[in-house]
């Protein structure tokens, strides 16, 4: 009876061996996975817009990126002009920069050799409402006074690759009430009262 014990355990060993082979085979058949880019956003300053994303980390090789666009009224995706580029950004071409009221949809994917990640998209972009704008405007009626105007948007100076610091804002300016004016004015009331005519230095 003792000599038959190993024979009884043989089916169990064969079952474990088959399970091990199945697990090894399924692991070998699992294809490598390349994750999609993260933090995909459009940064726009004075209607100059760039699509940016976080680089995909890999141990070996150089990750390339392909960006595409479409519009709300056109279902076909077109290249943005940055096919298989190593840079984690892509400027919108001039023909799109001029379409300030178009609703533009953008997507990007990573590529490494024969691998391609899923597409990553950002929220719809409309330059007329999403672009951060700065500029100078003349304050009419106040001589040579100029005011710097700002329309907020989602972008930041640093995110556009500049080294400029953020602007420091001053209180709202109205030339008619905030401008200090100096000049000479005749005191006619004194003259008509029989007193010597004089001039006054006026400020306001």
N, C-alpha and C. Protein backbone atom coordinates (compact mmCIF):
# COMPACT_ATOMS: atom_id res chain seq x y z
N UNK A 1 0.82 -1.20 0.00
CA UNK A 1 0.00 0.00 0.00
C UNK A 1 0.86 1.26 0.00
N UNK A 2 1.96 1.20 0.73
CA UNK A 2 2.81 2.39 0.78
C UNK A 2 3.47 2.66 -0.56
N UNK A 3 3.71 1.63 -1.36
CA UNK A 3 4.35 1.83 -2.64
C UNK A 3 3.47 2.47 -3.69
N UNK A 4 2.19 2.54 -3.49
CA UNK A 4 1.27 3.14 -4.47
C UNK A 4 0.99 4.62 -4.19
N UNK A 5 1.47 5.17 -3.11
CA UNK A 5 1.18 6.57 -2.77
C UNK A 5 1.67 7.54 -3.83
N UNK A 6 2.90 7.37 -4.40
CA UNK A 6 3.35 8.30 -5.44
C UNK A 6 2.48 8.26 -6.67
N UNK A 7 1.88 7.12 -6.99
CA UNK A 7 1.03 7.03 -8.17
C UNK A 7 -0.25 7.84 -7.99
N UNK A 8 -0.73 7.89 -6.77
CA UNK A 8 -1.95 8.65 -6.51
C UNK A 8 -1.70 10.16 -6.66
N UNK A 9 -0.53 10.63 -6.35
CA UNK A 9 -0.21 12.07 -6.46
C UNK A 9 0.18 12.47 -7.88
N UNK A 10 0.35 11.52 -8.77
CA UNK A 10 0.76 11.85 -10.14
C UNK A 10 -0.28 12.68 -10.89
N UNK A 11 -1.58 12.35 -10.84
CA UNK A 11 -2.57 13.21 -11.52
C UNK A 11 -2.55 14.64 -11.01
N UNK A 12 -2.35 14.83 -9.71
CA UNK A 12 -2.30 16.19 -9.17
C UNK A 12 -1.10 16.95 -9.70
N UNK A 13 0.04 16.27 -9.81
CA UNK A 13 1.22 16.93 -10.36
C UNK A 13 1.03 17.29 -11.83
N UNK A 14 0.38 16.40 -12.58
CA UNK A 14 0.12 16.70 -13.98
C UNK A 14 -0.82 17.89 -14.12
N UNK A 15 -1.82 17.98 -13.23
CA UNK A 15 -2.76 19.11 -13.28
C UNK A 15 -2.05 20.42 -12.99
N UNK A 16 -1.16 20.41 -12.00
CA UNK A 16 -0.42 21.63 -11.68
C UNK A 16 0.51 22.03 -12.83
N UNK A 17 1.09 21.02 -13.49
CA UNK A 17 1.96 21.31 -14.62
C UNK A 17 1.19 21.93 -15.78
N UNK A 18 -0.01 21.42 -16.04
CA UNK A 18 -0.84 21.97 -17.12
C UNK A 18 -1.25 23.41 -16.80
N UNK A 19 -1.63 23.67 -15.55
CA UNK A 19 -2.00 25.03 -15.16
C UNK A 19 -0.82 25.99 -15.31
N UNK A 20 0.36 25.52 -14.94
CA UNK A 20 1.54 26.37 -15.07
C UNK A 20 1.84 26.69 -16.52
N UNK A 21 1.70 25.70 -17.39
CA UNK A 21 1.94 25.95 -18.82
C UNK A 21 0.91 26.92 -19.39
N UNK A 22 -0.33 26.81 -18.96
CA UNK A 22 -1.37 27.74 -19.43
C UNK A 22 -1.07 29.16 -19.00
N UNK A 23 -0.66 29.32 -17.74
CA UNK A 23 -0.35 30.67 -17.25
C UNK A 23 0.84 31.27 -17.99
N UNK A 24 1.87 30.46 -18.21
CA UNK A 24 3.04 30.96 -18.94
C UNK A 24 2.68 31.31 -20.38
N UNK A 25 1.82 30.53 -21.00
CA UNK A 25 1.43 30.82 -22.38
C UNK A 25 0.61 32.08 -22.49
N UNK A 26 -0.30 32.30 -21.55
CA UNK A 26 -1.11 33.52 -21.60
C UNK A 26 -0.27 34.76 -21.34
N UNK A 27 0.73 34.63 -20.46
CA UNK A 27 1.62 35.78 -20.19
C UNK A 27 2.46 36.10 -21.41
N UNK A 28 2.89 35.06 -22.14
CA UNK A 28 3.71 35.31 -23.33
C UNK A 28 2.90 35.92 -24.45
N UNK A 29 1.60 35.66 -24.49
CA UNK A 29 0.75 36.19 -25.56
C UNK A 29 0.27 37.60 -25.29
N UNK A 30 0.43 38.11 -24.04
CA UNK A 30 -0.03 39.45 -23.71
C UNK A 30 0.88 40.48 -24.37
N UNK A 31 0.37 41.33 -25.26
CA UNK A 31 1.24 42.29 -25.96
C UNK A 31 1.68 43.41 -25.04
N UNK A 32 2.83 44.03 -25.31
CA UNK A 32 3.27 45.18 -24.51
C UNK A 32 2.26 46.32 -24.62
N UNK A 33 2.21 47.13 -23.57
CA UNK A 33 1.23 48.21 -23.51
C UNK A 33 1.94 49.55 -23.41
N UNK A 34 1.52 50.51 -24.23
CA UNK A 34 2.05 51.87 -24.20
C UNK A 34 0.95 52.81 -23.73
N UNK A 35 1.10 53.47 -22.58
CA UNK A 35 0.03 54.33 -22.08
C UNK A 35 -0.15 55.58 -22.92
N UNK A 36 -1.33 56.14 -22.84
CA UNK A 36 -1.66 57.36 -23.58
C UNK A 36 -1.07 58.58 -22.88
N UNK A 37 -0.77 59.66 -23.60
CA UNK A 37 -0.29 60.90 -22.97
C UNK A 37 -1.32 61.44 -21.97
N UNK A 38 -0.82 62.08 -20.94
CA UNK A 38 -1.66 62.67 -19.90
C UNK A 38 -1.57 64.19 -19.95
N UNK A 39 -2.54 64.84 -19.27
CA UNK A 39 -2.58 66.31 -19.14
C UNK A 39 -2.55 67.00 -20.51
N UNK A 40 -3.39 66.53 -21.39
CA UNK A 40 -3.48 67.12 -22.73
C UNK A 40 -4.32 68.39 -22.66
N UNK A 41 -3.73 69.54 -23.00
CA UNK A 41 -4.42 70.82 -22.92
C UNK A 41 -3.94 71.75 -24.03
N UNK A 42 -4.76 72.75 -24.32
CA UNK A 42 -4.39 73.81 -25.27
C UNK A 42 -4.07 75.07 -24.47
N UNK A 43 -2.90 75.63 -24.69
CA UNK A 43 -2.51 76.90 -24.09
C UNK A 43 -2.49 77.94 -25.21
N UNK A 44 -3.22 79.02 -24.99
CA UNK A 44 -3.39 80.02 -26.04
C UNK A 44 -3.17 81.41 -25.48
N UNK A 45 -2.32 82.18 -26.17
CA UNK A 45 -1.99 83.55 -25.78
C UNK A 45 -2.09 84.44 -27.02
N UNK A 46 -2.98 85.43 -26.94
CA UNK A 46 -3.20 86.34 -28.08
C UNK A 46 -3.44 85.56 -29.38
N UNK A 47 -4.26 84.51 -29.27
CA UNK A 47 -4.68 83.68 -30.40
C UNK A 47 -3.54 82.89 -31.03
N UNK A 48 -2.43 82.75 -30.33
CA UNK A 48 -1.36 81.84 -30.74
C UNK A 48 -1.47 80.62 -29.83
N UNK A 49 -1.86 79.48 -30.38
CA UNK A 49 -2.27 78.34 -29.57
C UNK A 49 -1.36 77.14 -29.80
N UNK A 50 -1.10 76.41 -28.72
CA UNK A 50 -0.25 75.23 -28.78
C UNK A 50 -0.91 74.12 -27.96
N UNK A 51 -0.88 72.92 -28.51
CA UNK A 51 -1.36 71.73 -27.81
C UNK A 51 -0.18 71.11 -27.08
N UNK A 52 -0.34 70.88 -25.76
CA UNK A 52 0.75 70.34 -24.97
C UNK A 52 0.26 69.18 -24.12
N UNK A 53 1.20 68.30 -23.74
CA UNK A 53 0.86 67.13 -22.92
C UNK A 53 2.10 66.69 -22.16
N UNK A 54 1.89 65.82 -21.17
CA UNK A 54 3.02 65.29 -20.39
C UNK A 54 3.68 64.16 -21.16
N UNK A 55 5.01 64.11 -21.19
CA UNK A 55 5.70 63.02 -21.90
C UNK A 55 5.36 61.66 -21.30
N UNK A 56 5.31 60.64 -22.15
CA UNK A 56 5.07 59.27 -21.70
C UNK A 56 6.40 58.64 -21.28
N UNK A 57 6.54 58.21 -20.02
CA UNK A 57 7.82 57.65 -19.57
C UNK A 57 7.99 56.20 -20.06
N UNK A 58 9.17 55.91 -20.59
CA UNK A 58 9.53 54.55 -20.99
C UNK A 58 10.97 54.29 -20.57
N UNK A 59 11.32 53.02 -20.44
CA UNK A 59 12.68 52.66 -20.03
C UNK A 59 13.66 52.73 -21.19
N UNK A 60 13.25 52.28 -22.36
CA UNK A 60 14.15 52.26 -23.51
C UNK A 60 13.43 52.82 -24.74
N UNK A 61 14.19 53.47 -25.60
CA UNK A 61 13.62 53.99 -26.83
C UNK A 61 13.15 55.42 -26.71
N UNK A 62 12.79 55.99 -27.84
CA UNK A 62 12.28 57.36 -27.92
C UNK A 62 10.81 57.34 -28.30
N UNK A 63 9.99 57.94 -27.47
CA UNK A 63 8.56 58.00 -27.74
C UNK A 63 8.28 59.13 -28.72
N UNK A 64 7.52 58.84 -29.75
CA UNK A 64 7.10 59.83 -30.72
C UNK A 64 5.60 60.09 -30.54
N UNK A 65 5.18 61.27 -30.99
CA UNK A 65 3.78 61.67 -30.78
C UNK A 65 3.17 62.12 -32.11
N UNK A 66 1.91 61.80 -32.27
CA UNK A 66 1.14 62.22 -33.43
C UNK A 66 -0.12 62.92 -32.94
N UNK A 67 -0.33 64.14 -33.40
CA UNK A 67 -1.50 64.94 -33.01
C UNK A 67 -2.42 65.15 -34.21
N UNK A 68 -3.71 65.14 -33.95
CA UNK A 68 -4.71 65.32 -34.99
C UNK A 68 -5.80 66.27 -34.51
N UNK A 69 -6.55 66.79 -35.46
CA UNK A 69 -7.65 67.70 -35.12
C UNK A 69 -8.84 67.43 -36.03
N UNK A 70 -9.99 67.88 -35.55
CA UNK A 70 -11.21 67.92 -36.34
C UNK A 70 -12.06 69.07 -35.79
N UNK A 71 -13.20 69.31 -36.40
CA UNK A 71 -14.10 70.37 -35.93
C UNK A 71 -15.45 69.77 -35.61
N UNK A 72 -16.28 70.59 -34.98
CA UNK A 72 -17.60 70.11 -34.59
C UNK A 72 -18.49 69.80 -35.78
N UNK A 73 -18.17 70.35 -36.94
CA UNK A 73 -18.99 70.14 -38.14
C UNK A 73 -18.32 69.22 -39.16
N UNK A 74 -17.16 68.64 -38.81
CA UNK A 74 -16.43 67.80 -39.76
C UNK A 74 -15.91 66.59 -39.00
N UNK A 75 -16.33 65.39 -39.38
CA UNK A 75 -16.04 64.19 -38.62
C UNK A 75 -14.67 63.60 -38.92
N UNK A 76 -14.02 63.99 -39.98
CA UNK A 76 -12.74 63.39 -40.37
C UNK A 76 -11.59 64.01 -39.57
N UNK A 77 -10.70 63.16 -39.05
CA UNK A 77 -9.53 63.64 -38.32
C UNK A 77 -8.38 63.90 -39.29
N UNK A 78 -7.70 65.04 -39.10
CA UNK A 78 -6.59 65.44 -39.96
C UNK A 78 -5.34 65.65 -39.10
N UNK A 79 -4.17 65.43 -39.72
CA UNK A 79 -2.91 65.65 -39.00
C UNK A 79 -2.76 67.13 -38.65
N UNK A 80 -2.24 67.35 -37.45
CA UNK A 80 -2.03 68.72 -36.99
C UNK A 80 -0.71 69.28 -37.48
N UNK A 81 0.10 68.44 -38.12
CA UNK A 81 1.40 68.88 -38.60
C UNK A 81 2.54 68.42 -37.73
N UNK A 82 2.27 67.52 -36.79
CA UNK A 82 3.30 67.03 -35.88
C UNK A 82 3.28 65.51 -35.83
N UNK A 83 3.23 64.86 -36.97
CA UNK A 83 3.18 63.40 -37.01
C UNK A 83 4.53 62.81 -36.61
N UNK A 84 4.52 61.88 -35.64
CA UNK A 84 5.72 61.19 -35.17
C UNK A 84 6.81 62.18 -34.77
N UNK A 85 6.45 63.10 -33.93
CA UNK A 85 7.40 64.10 -33.43
C UNK A 85 7.83 63.74 -32.02
N UNK A 86 9.11 63.95 -31.66
CA UNK A 86 9.55 63.65 -30.30
C UNK A 86 9.17 64.73 -29.29
N UNK A 87 8.67 65.85 -29.74
CA UNK A 87 8.33 66.95 -28.85
C UNK A 87 6.93 66.75 -28.24
N UNK A 88 6.77 67.02 -26.93
CA UNK A 88 5.46 66.87 -26.29
C UNK A 88 4.58 68.11 -26.46
N UNK A 89 4.58 68.67 -27.64
CA UNK A 89 3.73 69.82 -27.94
C UNK A 89 3.59 69.96 -29.44
N UNK A 90 2.56 70.69 -29.85
CA UNK A 90 2.32 70.90 -31.28
C UNK A 90 1.55 72.19 -31.46
N UNK A 91 2.12 73.14 -32.18
CA UNK A 91 1.46 74.42 -32.44
C UNK A 91 0.36 74.22 -33.48
N UNK A 92 -0.75 74.89 -33.27
CA UNK A 92 -1.82 74.84 -34.27
C UNK A 92 -1.36 75.56 -35.53
N UNK A 93 -1.62 75.00 -36.71
CA UNK A 93 -1.18 75.63 -37.96
C UNK A 93 -1.90 76.95 -38.19
N UNK A 94 -1.36 77.83 -39.06
CA UNK A 94 -1.95 79.15 -39.29
C UNK A 94 -3.41 79.09 -39.74
N UNK A 95 -3.78 78.08 -40.54
CA UNK A 95 -5.16 78.03 -41.00
C UNK A 95 -6.14 77.79 -39.85
N UNK A 96 -5.68 77.16 -38.78
CA UNK A 96 -6.53 76.99 -37.61
C UNK A 96 -6.44 78.20 -36.68
N UNK A 97 -5.26 78.83 -36.61
CA UNK A 97 -5.11 80.02 -35.77
C UNK A 97 -6.09 81.12 -36.19
N UNK A 98 -6.38 81.18 -37.49
CA UNK A 98 -7.28 82.22 -37.98
C UNK A 98 -8.74 81.92 -37.70
N UNK A 99 -9.08 80.67 -37.42
CA UNK A 99 -10.48 80.27 -37.19
C UNK A 99 -10.80 80.44 -35.71
N UNK A 100 -10.96 81.69 -35.31
CA UNK A 100 -11.09 81.97 -33.88
C UNK A 100 -12.43 81.56 -33.29
N UNK A 101 -13.45 81.36 -34.12
CA UNK A 101 -14.76 80.98 -33.60
C UNK A 101 -15.10 79.52 -33.88
N UNK A 102 -14.18 78.79 -34.48
CA UNK A 102 -14.41 77.37 -34.71
C UNK A 102 -14.27 76.59 -33.40
N UNK A 103 -15.07 75.55 -33.28
CA UNK A 103 -14.91 74.61 -32.18
C UNK A 103 -13.99 73.50 -32.66
N UNK A 104 -12.78 73.46 -32.12
CA UNK A 104 -11.74 72.54 -32.60
C UNK A 104 -11.56 71.42 -31.57
N UNK A 105 -11.56 70.20 -32.05
CA UNK A 105 -11.33 69.02 -31.22
C UNK A 105 -9.93 68.49 -31.54
N UNK A 106 -9.18 68.15 -30.50
CA UNK A 106 -7.78 67.73 -30.69
C UNK A 106 -7.53 66.43 -29.94
N UNK A 107 -6.63 65.63 -30.48
CA UNK A 107 -6.23 64.39 -29.83
C UNK A 107 -4.77 64.09 -30.15
N UNK A 108 -4.14 63.29 -29.30
CA UNK A 108 -2.72 62.94 -29.47
C UNK A 108 -2.51 61.51 -28.96
N UNK A 109 -1.57 60.80 -29.55
CA UNK A 109 -1.21 59.47 -29.08
C UNK A 109 0.30 59.32 -29.11
N UNK A 110 0.80 58.37 -28.32
CA UNK A 110 2.22 58.07 -28.26
C UNK A 110 2.52 56.86 -29.14
N UNK A 111 3.74 56.83 -29.69
CA UNK A 111 4.16 55.73 -30.56
C UNK A 111 5.59 55.35 -30.20
N UNK A 112 5.82 54.05 -30.07
CA UNK A 112 7.14 53.53 -29.75
C UNK A 112 7.36 52.27 -30.58
N UNK A 113 8.13 52.39 -31.64
CA UNK A 113 8.32 51.26 -32.55
C UNK A 113 7.00 50.92 -33.23
N UNK A 114 6.58 49.67 -33.03
CA UNK A 114 5.29 49.23 -33.60
C UNK A 114 4.14 49.43 -32.64
N UNK A 115 4.43 49.93 -31.44
CA UNK A 115 3.37 50.14 -30.45
C UNK A 115 2.75 51.53 -30.63
N UNK A 116 1.47 51.60 -30.37
CA UNK A 116 0.74 52.87 -30.41
C UNK A 116 -0.22 52.90 -29.23
N UNK A 117 -0.24 54.01 -28.51
CA UNK A 117 -1.11 54.15 -27.35
C UNK A 117 -2.52 54.51 -27.79
N UNK A 118 -3.48 54.41 -26.88
CA UNK A 118 -4.82 54.95 -27.19
C UNK A 118 -4.74 56.46 -27.40
N UNK A 119 -5.74 57.01 -28.09
CA UNK A 119 -5.79 58.45 -28.30
C UNK A 119 -6.20 59.14 -27.00
N UNK A 120 -5.57 60.26 -26.71
CA UNK A 120 -5.92 61.10 -25.57
C UNK A 120 -6.44 62.43 -26.09
N UNK A 121 -7.57 62.85 -25.57
CA UNK A 121 -8.20 64.08 -26.06
C UNK A 121 -8.22 65.15 -24.99
N UNK A 122 -8.38 66.39 -25.44
CA UNK A 122 -8.54 67.51 -24.52
C UNK A 122 -9.92 68.12 -24.75
N UNK A 123 -10.38 68.98 -23.85
CA UNK A 123 -11.68 69.62 -24.07
C UNK A 123 -11.70 70.44 -25.36
N UNK A 124 -12.90 70.62 -25.90
CA UNK A 124 -13.06 71.40 -27.13
C UNK A 124 -12.47 72.79 -26.94
N UNK A 125 -11.83 73.32 -27.99
CA UNK A 125 -11.14 74.60 -27.93
C UNK A 125 -11.76 75.59 -28.90
N UNK A 126 -12.09 76.79 -28.40
CA UNK A 126 -12.59 77.90 -29.22
C UNK A 126 -11.71 79.11 -28.88
N UNK A 127 -10.92 79.56 -29.82
CA UNK A 127 -9.95 80.63 -29.55
C UNK A 127 -10.62 81.92 -29.11
N UNK A 128 -11.79 82.21 -29.65
CA UNK A 128 -12.48 83.47 -29.33
C UNK A 128 -12.84 83.56 -27.85
N UNK A 129 -12.99 82.43 -27.18
CA UNK A 129 -13.37 82.44 -25.77
C UNK A 129 -12.30 81.83 -24.87
N UNK A 130 -11.40 81.03 -25.39
CA UNK A 130 -10.42 80.33 -24.56
C UNK A 130 -9.02 80.91 -24.63
N UNK A 131 -8.77 81.87 -25.50
CA UNK A 131 -7.43 82.42 -25.62
C UNK A 131 -7.24 83.57 -24.64
N UNK A 132 -6.11 83.57 -23.93
CA UNK A 132 -5.79 84.66 -23.02
C UNK A 132 -5.17 85.80 -23.81
N UNK A 133 -5.74 86.98 -23.66
CA UNK A 133 -5.32 88.11 -24.49
C UNK A 133 -4.84 89.28 -23.63
N UNK A 134 -3.74 89.89 -24.07
CA UNK A 134 -3.19 91.10 -23.46
C UNK A 134 -2.90 92.10 -24.57
N UNK A 135 -2.93 93.39 -24.23
CA UNK A 135 -2.60 94.40 -25.21
C UNK A 135 -2.65 95.79 -24.60
N UNK A 136 -2.29 96.76 -25.44
CA UNK A 136 -2.33 98.15 -25.02
C UNK A 136 -3.47 98.85 -25.74
N UNK A 137 -4.16 99.74 -25.03
CA UNK A 137 -5.26 100.50 -25.63
C UNK A 137 -5.14 101.96 -25.21
N UNK A 138 -5.40 102.86 -26.14
CA UNK A 138 -5.33 104.29 -25.85
C UNK A 138 -6.54 104.72 -25.03
N UNK A 139 -6.27 105.51 -23.98
CA UNK A 139 -7.36 106.05 -23.17
C UNK A 139 -7.80 107.36 -23.80
N UNK A 140 -8.87 107.33 -24.54
CA UNK A 140 -9.32 108.49 -25.31
C UNK A 140 -9.65 109.65 -24.39
N UNK A 141 -9.30 110.83 -24.85
CA UNK A 141 -9.60 112.03 -24.08
C UNK A 141 -8.61 112.31 -22.99
N UNK A 142 -7.56 111.53 -22.90
CA UNK A 142 -6.59 111.75 -21.83
C UNK A 142 -5.19 111.95 -22.38
N UNK A 143 -5.10 112.55 -23.55
CA UNK A 143 -3.80 112.84 -24.09
C UNK A 143 -3.05 111.59 -24.50
N UNK A 144 -1.87 111.44 -23.94
CA UNK A 144 -1.01 110.31 -24.31
C UNK A 144 -1.13 109.14 -23.34
N UNK A 145 -2.24 109.03 -22.63
CA UNK A 145 -2.40 107.96 -21.65
C UNK A 145 -2.74 106.66 -22.36
N UNK A 146 -2.12 105.58 -21.87
CA UNK A 146 -2.37 104.25 -22.41
C UNK A 146 -2.67 103.31 -21.26
N UNK A 147 -3.51 102.33 -21.51
CA UNK A 147 -3.87 101.36 -20.49
C UNK A 147 -3.62 99.95 -21.02
N UNK A 148 -3.14 99.08 -20.15
CA UNK A 148 -2.92 97.69 -20.55
C UNK A 148 -4.18 96.90 -20.20
N UNK A 149 -4.74 96.21 -21.18
CA UNK A 149 -5.98 95.47 -20.96
C UNK A 149 -5.70 93.98 -20.98
N UNK A 150 -6.59 93.24 -20.36
CA UNK A 150 -6.40 91.80 -20.20
C UNK A 150 -7.75 91.10 -20.26
N UNK A 151 -7.81 90.07 -21.08
CA UNK A 151 -8.97 89.18 -21.06
C UNK A 151 -8.48 87.82 -20.61
N UNK A 152 -8.90 87.36 -19.42
CA UNK A 152 -8.36 86.11 -18.89
C UNK A 152 -8.65 84.93 -19.81
N UNK A 153 -7.80 83.94 -19.73
CA UNK A 153 -7.96 82.69 -20.47
C UNK A 153 -7.33 81.57 -19.69
N UNK A 154 -7.31 80.35 -20.22
CA UNK A 154 -6.80 79.21 -19.47
C UNK A 154 -5.28 79.11 -19.43
N UNK A 155 -4.57 79.88 -20.28
CA UNK A 155 -3.12 79.73 -20.37
C UNK A 155 -2.38 80.60 -19.38
N UNK A 156 -1.13 80.27 -19.14
CA UNK A 156 -0.24 81.05 -18.30
C UNK A 156 1.02 81.37 -19.07
N UNK A 157 1.70 82.43 -18.65
CA UNK A 157 2.92 82.85 -19.35
C UNK A 157 3.95 81.72 -19.35
N UNK A 158 4.15 81.10 -18.18
CA UNK A 158 5.16 80.06 -18.10
C UNK A 158 4.80 78.87 -18.98
N UNK A 159 3.51 78.57 -19.12
CA UNK A 159 3.09 77.42 -19.90
C UNK A 159 3.29 77.63 -21.39
N UNK A 160 3.52 78.86 -21.80
CA UNK A 160 3.78 79.13 -23.21
C UNK A 160 5.27 79.13 -23.51
N UNK A 161 6.09 78.77 -22.54
CA UNK A 161 7.51 78.65 -22.78
C UNK A 161 8.26 79.96 -22.66
N UNK A 162 7.65 81.00 -22.07
CA UNK A 162 8.35 82.27 -21.89
C UNK A 162 8.95 82.32 -20.50
N UNK A 163 9.86 83.26 -20.30
CA UNK A 163 10.47 83.46 -19.00
C UNK A 163 9.94 84.70 -18.32
N UNK A 164 8.90 85.30 -18.85
CA UNK A 164 8.34 86.52 -18.27
C UNK A 164 7.54 86.18 -17.02
N UNK A 165 7.61 87.05 -16.05
CA UNK A 165 6.83 86.84 -14.83
C UNK A 165 5.40 87.30 -15.07
N UNK A 166 4.45 86.92 -14.20
CA UNK A 166 3.07 87.42 -14.36
C UNK A 166 3.03 88.92 -14.20
N UNK A 167 2.04 89.54 -14.84
CA UNK A 167 1.86 90.99 -14.73
C UNK A 167 1.31 91.34 -13.35
N UNK A 168 1.76 92.47 -12.80
CA UNK A 168 1.21 93.01 -11.57
C UNK A 168 0.15 94.05 -11.94
N UNK A 169 -1.03 93.92 -11.38
CA UNK A 169 -2.15 94.78 -11.76
C UNK A 169 -2.25 95.99 -10.82
N UNK A 170 -2.65 97.11 -11.38
CA UNK A 170 -2.93 98.30 -10.58
C UNK A 170 -4.45 98.51 -10.55
N UNK A 171 -4.94 99.38 -9.67
CA UNK A 171 -6.39 99.64 -9.66
C UNK A 171 -6.87 100.19 -11.00
N UNK A 172 -8.16 100.02 -11.25
CA UNK A 172 -8.75 100.51 -12.49
C UNK A 172 -8.47 102.00 -12.66
N UNK A 173 -8.21 102.43 -13.91
CA UNK A 173 -7.82 103.81 -14.18
C UNK A 173 -8.86 104.49 -15.07
N UNK A 174 -9.33 105.65 -14.65
CA UNK A 174 -10.22 106.51 -15.43
C UNK A 174 -9.56 107.89 -15.50
N UNK A 175 -9.17 108.30 -16.69
CA UNK A 175 -8.39 109.52 -16.83
C UNK A 175 -9.14 110.75 -16.32
N UNK A 176 -10.46 110.78 -16.52
CA UNK A 176 -11.24 111.96 -16.14
C UNK A 176 -11.21 112.20 -14.64
N UNK A 177 -11.00 111.14 -13.86
CA UNK A 177 -11.02 111.29 -12.40
C UNK A 177 -9.68 110.97 -11.75
N UNK A 178 -8.84 110.21 -12.41
CA UNK A 178 -7.58 109.78 -11.79
C UNK A 178 -6.36 110.51 -12.32
N UNK A 179 -6.51 111.34 -13.35
CA UNK A 179 -5.36 112.04 -13.91
C UNK A 179 -5.14 113.36 -13.17
N UNK A 180 -3.90 113.61 -12.76
CA UNK A 180 -3.55 114.86 -12.09
C UNK A 180 -3.19 115.91 -13.15
N UNK A 181 -3.91 117.01 -13.16
CA UNK A 181 -3.74 118.04 -14.19
C UNK A 181 -3.26 119.35 -13.56
N UNK A 182 -2.32 120.00 -14.27
CA UNK A 182 -1.79 121.29 -13.82
C UNK A 182 -1.89 122.29 -14.96
N UNK A 183 -2.10 123.58 -14.61
CA UNK A 183 -2.15 124.61 -15.62
C UNK A 183 -2.48 125.97 -15.02
N UNK A 184 -2.47 126.99 -15.87
CA UNK A 184 -2.77 128.35 -15.42
C UNK A 184 -4.18 128.72 -15.85
N UNK A 185 -4.89 129.41 -14.99
CA UNK A 185 -6.24 129.88 -15.31
C UNK A 185 -6.39 131.30 -14.79
N UNK A 186 -7.06 132.13 -15.57
CA UNK A 186 -7.26 133.53 -15.18
C UNK A 186 -8.34 133.63 -14.12
N UNK A 187 -8.07 134.41 -13.07
CA UNK A 187 -9.07 134.63 -12.01
C UNK A 187 -9.91 135.83 -12.40
N UNK A 188 -10.85 135.61 -13.30
CA UNK A 188 -11.68 136.71 -13.80
C UNK A 188 -12.54 137.33 -12.71
N UNK A 189 -12.96 136.47 -11.78
CA UNK A 189 -13.83 137.00 -10.72
C UNK A 189 -13.11 138.06 -9.91
N UNK A 190 -11.83 137.86 -9.69
CA UNK A 190 -11.09 138.87 -8.94
C UNK A 190 -10.92 140.14 -9.76
N UNK A 191 -10.72 139.99 -11.07
CA UNK A 191 -10.54 141.15 -11.90
C UNK A 191 -11.80 142.02 -11.97
N UNK A 192 -12.94 141.37 -12.05
CA UNK A 192 -14.18 142.14 -12.15
C UNK A 192 -14.54 142.78 -10.83
N UNK A 193 -13.92 142.34 -9.74
CA UNK A 193 -14.21 142.93 -8.44
C UNK A 193 -13.35 144.15 -8.17
N UNK A 194 -12.57 144.56 -9.16
CA UNK A 194 -11.74 145.74 -8.99
C UNK A 194 -10.38 145.45 -8.41
N UNK A 195 -10.12 144.14 -8.17
CA UNK A 195 -8.81 143.78 -7.63
C UNK A 195 -7.86 143.50 -8.78
N UNK A 196 -6.56 143.55 -8.53
CA UNK A 196 -5.60 143.25 -9.60
C UNK A 196 -5.85 141.84 -10.15
N UNK A 197 -5.74 141.71 -11.46
CA UNK A 197 -5.97 140.42 -12.12
C UNK A 197 -4.81 139.48 -11.81
N UNK A 198 -5.11 138.28 -11.47
CA UNK A 198 -4.07 137.30 -11.15
C UNK A 198 -4.36 135.98 -11.86
N UNK A 199 -3.40 135.07 -11.73
CA UNK A 199 -3.53 133.74 -12.36
C UNK A 199 -3.42 132.67 -11.27
N UNK A 200 -4.12 131.64 -11.42
CA UNK A 200 -4.13 130.57 -10.43
C UNK A 200 -3.52 129.30 -11.01
N UNK A 201 -2.75 128.60 -10.18
CA UNK A 201 -2.21 127.29 -10.57
C UNK A 201 -3.21 126.22 -10.14
N UNK A 202 -3.79 125.54 -11.11
CA UNK A 202 -4.91 124.65 -10.82
C UNK A 202 -4.44 123.20 -10.90
N UNK A 203 -4.85 122.41 -9.94
CA UNK A 203 -4.60 120.97 -9.97
C UNK A 203 -5.89 120.24 -9.64
N UNK A 204 -6.04 119.06 -10.19
CA UNK A 204 -7.28 118.30 -9.92
C UNK A 204 -7.11 116.90 -10.38
